[in-house]
């Protein structure tokens, strides 16, 4: 083999290596970074569960924050809207509407419901003590005398 053909192969070696490496990475897809976008007021179940009918506007504002929408044409209604758009994925939206009557909290409507703080079912009322049988004696104890 002549010497000049070997030199030609050596000159093209970086090009051949670059093509081989690029062909191996052809399945790699690069995409730009996308940030998470949060807009509005995040209102949680715990916050809503603290609301009580008859609260003033200032008390509601203290618990939930300033409403995103306080419409001058509907002064007895505040809207809290929260939207979360992750960089990749579907957007999520929550909405809570607070209604006032004569400056006092009347009702709440929307996607966020109050968290249950107590048992969902009321506990059963225990029977009176006179109808309950006496406790059984454990071995080694004297049984109670009537």
C-alpha atoms as a PDB file:
ATOM      1  CA  UNK A   1       0.000   0.000   0.000  1.00  0.00           C
ATOM      2  CA  UNK A   2       1.415   3.365  -0.905  1.00  0.00           C
ATOM      3  CA  UNK A   3       2.380   5.770   1.827  1.00  0.00           C
ATOM      4  CA  UNK A   4       0.177   8.622   0.634  1.00  0.00           C
ATOM      5  CA  UNK A   5      -3.026   6.535   0.993  1.00  0.00           C
ATOM      6  CA  UNK A   6      -2.156   5.793   4.645  1.00  0.00           C
ATOM      7  CA  UNK A   7      -1.685   9.502   5.292  1.00  0.00           C
ATOM      8  CA  UNK A   8      -5.015  10.230   3.654  1.00  0.00           C
ATOM      9  CA  UNK A   9      -6.748   7.774   6.019  1.00  0.00           C
ATOM     10  CA  UNK A  10      -5.034   9.369   9.021  1.00  0.00           C
ATOM     11  CA  UNK A  11      -6.115  12.826   7.874  1.00  0.00           C
ATOM     12  CA  UNK A  12      -9.731  11.700   7.652  1.00  0.00           C
ATOM     13  CA  UNK A  13      -9.667   9.744  10.923  1.00  0.00           C
ATOM     14  CA  UNK A  14     -11.074  12.611  13.086  1.00  0.00           C
ATOM     15  CA  UNK A  15     -13.874  13.091  10.575  1.00  0.00           C
ATOM     16  CA  UNK A  16     -14.696   9.381  10.567  1.00  0.00           C
ATOM     17  CA  UNK A  17     -14.662   9.220  14.390  1.00  0.00           C
ATOM     18  CA  UNK A  18     -16.921  12.287  14.609  1.00  0.00           C
ATOM     19  CA  UNK A  19     -19.404  10.739  12.190  1.00  0.00           C
ATOM     20  CA  UNK A  20     -19.411   7.452  14.092  1.00  0.00           C
ATOM     21  CA  UNK A  21     -20.038   9.194  17.425  1.00  0.00           C
ATOM     22  CA  UNK A  22     -22.755  11.400  15.957  1.00  0.00           C
ATOM     23  CA  UNK A  23     -24.521   8.399  14.440  1.00  0.00           C
ATOM     24  CA  UNK A  24     -24.516   6.706  17.851  1.00  0.00           C
ATOM     25  CA  UNK A  25     -26.213   9.721  19.448  1.00  0.00           C
ATOM     26  CA  UNK A  26     -28.873  10.152  16.777  1.00  0.00           C
ATOM     27  CA  UNK A  27     -31.561   8.720  19.086  1.00  0.00           C
ATOM     28  CA  UNK A  28     -30.770  11.255  21.803  1.00  0.00           C
ATOM     29  CA  UNK A  29     -33.363  14.028  21.686  1.00  0.00           C
ATOM     30  CA  UNK A  30     -32.559  17.291  23.395  1.00  0.00           C
ATOM     31  CA  UNK A  31     -35.316  19.603  24.500  1.00  0.00           C
ATOM     32  CA  UNK A  32     -35.223  22.938  26.316  1.00  0.00           C
ATOM     33  CA  UNK A  33     -35.763  23.186  30.059  1.00  0.00           C
ATOM     34  CA  UNK A  34     -39.264  24.321  30.979  1.00  0.00           C
ATOM     35  CA  UNK A  35     -39.969  25.857  34.360  1.00  0.00           C
ATOM     36  CA  UNK A  36     -42.982  25.166  36.561  1.00  0.00           C
ATOM     37  CA  UNK A  37     -45.423  28.084  36.504  1.00  0.00           C
ATOM     38  CA  UNK A  38     -47.577  28.799  39.569  1.00  0.00           C
ATOM     39  CA  UNK A  39     -50.198  31.530  39.406  1.00  0.00           C
ATOM     40  CA  UNK A  40     -52.748  32.766  41.915  1.00  0.00           C
ATOM     41  CA  UNK A  41     -53.492  31.877  45.523  1.00  0.00           C
ATOM     42  CA  UNK A  42     -52.836  28.370  46.804  1.00  0.00           C
ATOM     43  CA  UNK A  43     -55.752  27.602  49.125  1.00  0.00           C
ATOM     44  CA  UNK A  44     -55.490  24.314  51.021  1.00  0.00           C
ATOM     45  CA  UNK A  45     -58.130  22.166  52.679  1.00  0.00           C
ATOM     46  CA  UNK A  46     -56.822  23.143  56.107  1.00  0.00           C
ATOM     47  CA  UNK A  47     -57.298  26.831  55.304  1.00  0.00           C
ATOM     48  CA  UNK A  48     -60.877  26.285  54.130  1.00  0.00           C
ATOM     49  CA  UNK A  49     -61.720  24.178  57.184  1.00  0.00           C
ATOM     50  CA  UNK A  50     -60.914  27.185  59.421  1.00  0.00           C
ATOM     51  CA  UNK A  51     -63.606  29.326  57.766  1.00  0.00           C
ATOM     52  CA  UNK A  52     -66.744  29.842  59.829  1.00  0.00           C
ATOM     53  CA  UNK A  53     -70.028  31.446  58.723  1.00  0.00           C
ATOM     54  CA  UNK A  54     -70.286  35.005  60.022  1.00  0.00           C
ATOM     55  CA  UNK A  55     -66.569  35.839  59.710  1.00  0.00           C
ATOM     56  CA  UNK A  56     -65.719  39.352  58.558  1.00  0.00           C
ATOM     57  CA  UNK A  57     -63.925  40.131  55.311  1.00  0.00           C
ATOM     58  CA  UNK A  58     -60.735  40.913  57.237  1.00  0.00           C
ATOM     59  CA  UNK A  59     -60.820  37.542  58.993  1.00  0.00           C
ATOM     60  CA  UNK A  60     -61.306  35.716  55.678  1.00  0.00           C
ATOM     61  CA  UNK A  61     -58.486  37.734  54.100  1.00  0.00           C
ATOM     62  CA  UNK A  62     -56.240  36.826  57.048  1.00  0.00           C
ATOM     63  CA  UNK A  63     -56.906  33.082  56.556  1.00  0.00           C
ATOM     64  CA  UNK A  64     -56.924  32.845  52.750  1.00  0.00           C
ATOM     65  CA  UNK A  65     -54.938  35.865  51.617  1.00  0.00           C
ATOM     66  CA  UNK A  66     -55.979  38.595  49.208  1.00  0.00           C
ATOM     67  CA  UNK A  67     -58.392  37.268  46.577  1.00  0.00           C
ATOM     68  CA  UNK A  68     -57.157  37.012  43.021  1.00  0.00           C
ATOM     69  CA  UNK A  69     -60.408  38.480  41.771  1.00  0.00           C
ATOM     70  CA  UNK A  70     -62.513  40.969  43.716  1.00  0.00           C
ATOM     71  CA  UNK A  71     -64.996  42.211  41.143  1.00  0.00           C
ATOM     72  CA  UNK A  72     -66.423  45.700  41.746  1.00  0.00           C
ATOM     73  CA  UNK A  73     -69.699  44.573  40.167  1.00  0.00           C
ATOM     74  CA  UNK A  74     -70.003  41.624  42.566  1.00  0.00           C
ATOM     75  CA  UNK A  75     -68.771  43.068  45.860  1.00  0.00           C
ATOM     76  CA  UNK A  76     -70.240  40.174  47.874  1.00  0.00           C
ATOM     77  CA  UNK A  77     -68.073  37.598  46.061  1.00  0.00           C
ATOM     78  CA  UNK A  78     -64.337  36.843  46.137  1.00  0.00           C
ATOM     79  CA  UNK A  79     -62.651  34.370  43.805  1.00  0.00           C
ATOM     80  CA  UNK A  80     -59.451  32.532  44.652  1.00  0.00           C
ATOM     81  CA  UNK A  81     -57.933  30.839  41.609  1.00  0.00           C
ATOM     82  CA  UNK A  82     -54.738  28.779  41.579  1.00  0.00           C
ATOM     83  CA  UNK A  83     -53.142  27.351  38.446  1.00  0.00           C
ATOM     84  CA  UNK A  84     -50.078  25.111  38.342  1.00  0.00           C
ATOM     85  CA  UNK A  85     -48.465  24.311  34.994  1.00  0.00           C
ATOM     86  CA  UNK A  86     -45.507  21.943  35.341  1.00  0.00           C
ATOM     87  CA  UNK A  87     -42.747  22.221  32.783  1.00  0.00           C
ATOM     88  CA  UNK A  88     -43.823  18.933  31.271  1.00  0.00           C
ATOM     89  CA  UNK A  89     -47.340  17.678  31.862  1.00  0.00           C
ATOM     90  CA  UNK A  90     -50.905  18.851  32.196  1.00  0.00           C
ATOM     91  CA  UNK A  91     -51.939  22.001  34.006  1.00  0.00           C
ATOM     92  CA  UNK A  92     -53.917  21.775  37.238  1.00  0.00           C
ATOM     93  CA  UNK A  93     -56.376  24.403  38.400  1.00  0.00           C
ATOM     94  CA  UNK A  94     -58.204  25.012  41.685  1.00  0.00           C
ATOM     95  CA  UNK A  95     -60.981  27.497  42.246  1.00  0.00           C
ATOM     96  CA  UNK A  96     -62.628  28.690  45.447  1.00  0.00           C
ATOM     97  CA  UNK A  97     -65.404  31.268  45.629  1.00  0.00           C
ATOM     98  CA  UNK A  98     -66.294  32.981  48.898  1.00  0.00           C
ATOM     99  CA  UNK A  99     -69.718  34.629  49.195  1.00  0.00           C
ATOM    100  CA  UNK A 100     -70.543  37.350  51.701  1.00  0.00           C
ATOM    101  CA  UNK A 101     -73.871  38.695  52.859  1.00  0.00           C
ATOM    102  CA  UNK A 102     -73.906  42.078  54.619  1.00  0.00           C
ATOM    103  CA  UNK A 103     -70.119  41.935  55.024  1.00  0.00           C
ATOM    104  CA  UNK A 104     -70.155  38.526  56.749  1.00  0.00           C
ATOM    105  CA  UNK A 105     -69.145  35.143  55.318  1.00  0.00           C
ATOM    106  CA  UNK A 106     -72.258  33.361  54.055  1.00  0.00           C
ATOM    107  CA  UNK A 107     -70.966  30.346  52.097  1.00  0.00           C
ATOM    108  CA  UNK A 108     -68.022  28.868  50.235  1.00  0.00           C
ATOM    109  CA  UNK A 109     -68.073  27.007  46.916  1.00  0.00           C
ATOM    110  CA  UNK A 110     -65.428  25.522  44.658  1.00  0.00           C
ATOM    111  CA  UNK A 111     -62.954  22.703  44.134  1.00  0.00           C
ATOM    112  CA  UNK A 112     -61.302  22.907  47.560  1.00  0.00           C
ATOM    113  CA  UNK A 113     -63.390  21.323  50.300  1.00  0.00           C
ATOM    114  CA  UNK A 114     -62.733  21.596  54.044  1.00  0.00           C
ATOM    115  CA  UNK A 115     -60.616  18.858  55.590  1.00  0.00           C
ATOM    116  CA  UNK A 116     -62.461  16.564  57.967  1.00  0.00           C
ATOM    117  CA  UNK A 117     -61.001  17.259  61.385  1.00  0.00           C
ATOM    118  CA  UNK A 118     -63.091  14.863  63.455  1.00  0.00           C
ATOM    119  CA  UNK A 119     -64.661  11.465  62.859  1.00  0.00           C
ATOM    120  CA  UNK A 120     -67.083  11.398  59.944  1.00  0.00           C
ATOM    121  CA  UNK A 121     -69.628   9.407  61.965  1.00  0.00           C
ATOM    122  CA  UNK A 122     -70.673  10.463  65.437  1.00  0.00           C
ATOM    123  CA  UNK A 123     -69.537   8.008  68.109  1.00  0.00           C
ATOM    124  CA  UNK A 124     -72.148   5.737  69.618  1.00  0.00           C
ATOM    125  CA  UNK A 125     -73.485   6.813  72.987  1.00  0.00           C
ATOM    126  CA  UNK A 126     -72.341   4.357  75.700  1.00  0.00           C
ATOM    127  CA  UNK A 127     -74.991   2.592  77.720  1.00  0.00           C
ATOM    128  CA  UNK A 128     -75.620   3.801  81.269  1.00  0.00           C
ATOM    129  CA  UNK A 129     -73.322   2.273  83.904  1.00  0.00           C
ATOM    130  CA  UNK A 130     -76.195   0.504  85.705  1.00  0.00           C
ATOM    131  CA  UNK A 131     -76.899  -1.701  82.683  1.00  0.00           C
ATOM    132  CA  UNK A 132     -73.282  -2.687  82.043  1.00  0.00           C
ATOM    133  CA  UNK A 133     -72.124  -6.046  83.445  1.00  0.00           C
ATOM    134  CA  UNK A 134     -69.456  -5.900  86.156  1.00  0.00           C
ATOM    135  CA  UNK A 135     -65.878  -6.447  84.941  1.00  0.00           C
ATOM    136  CA  UNK A 136     -64.667 -10.027  84.979  1.00  0.00           C
ATOM    137  CA  UNK A 137     -62.175 -10.864  87.703  1.00  0.00           C
ATOM    138  CA  UNK A 138     -58.707 -11.838  86.603  1.00  0.00           C
ATOM    139  CA  UNK A 139     -57.112 -14.933  88.115  1.00  0.00           C
ATOM    140  CA  UNK A 140     -55.536 -14.075  91.446  1.00  0.00           C
ATOM    141  CA  UNK A 141     -58.017 -11.269  92.230  1.00  0.00           C
ATOM    142  CA  UNK A 142     -61.007 -11.570  94.434  1.00  0.00           C
ATOM    143  CA  UNK A 143     -64.269 -11.297  92.557  1.00  0.00           C
ATOM    144  CA  UNK A 144     -66.342  -8.246  93.422  1.00  0.00           C
ATOM    145  CA  UNK A 145     -69.157  -8.883  95.884  1.00  0.00           C
ATOM    146  CA  UNK A 146     -72.630  -7.612  95.070  1.00  0.00           C
END
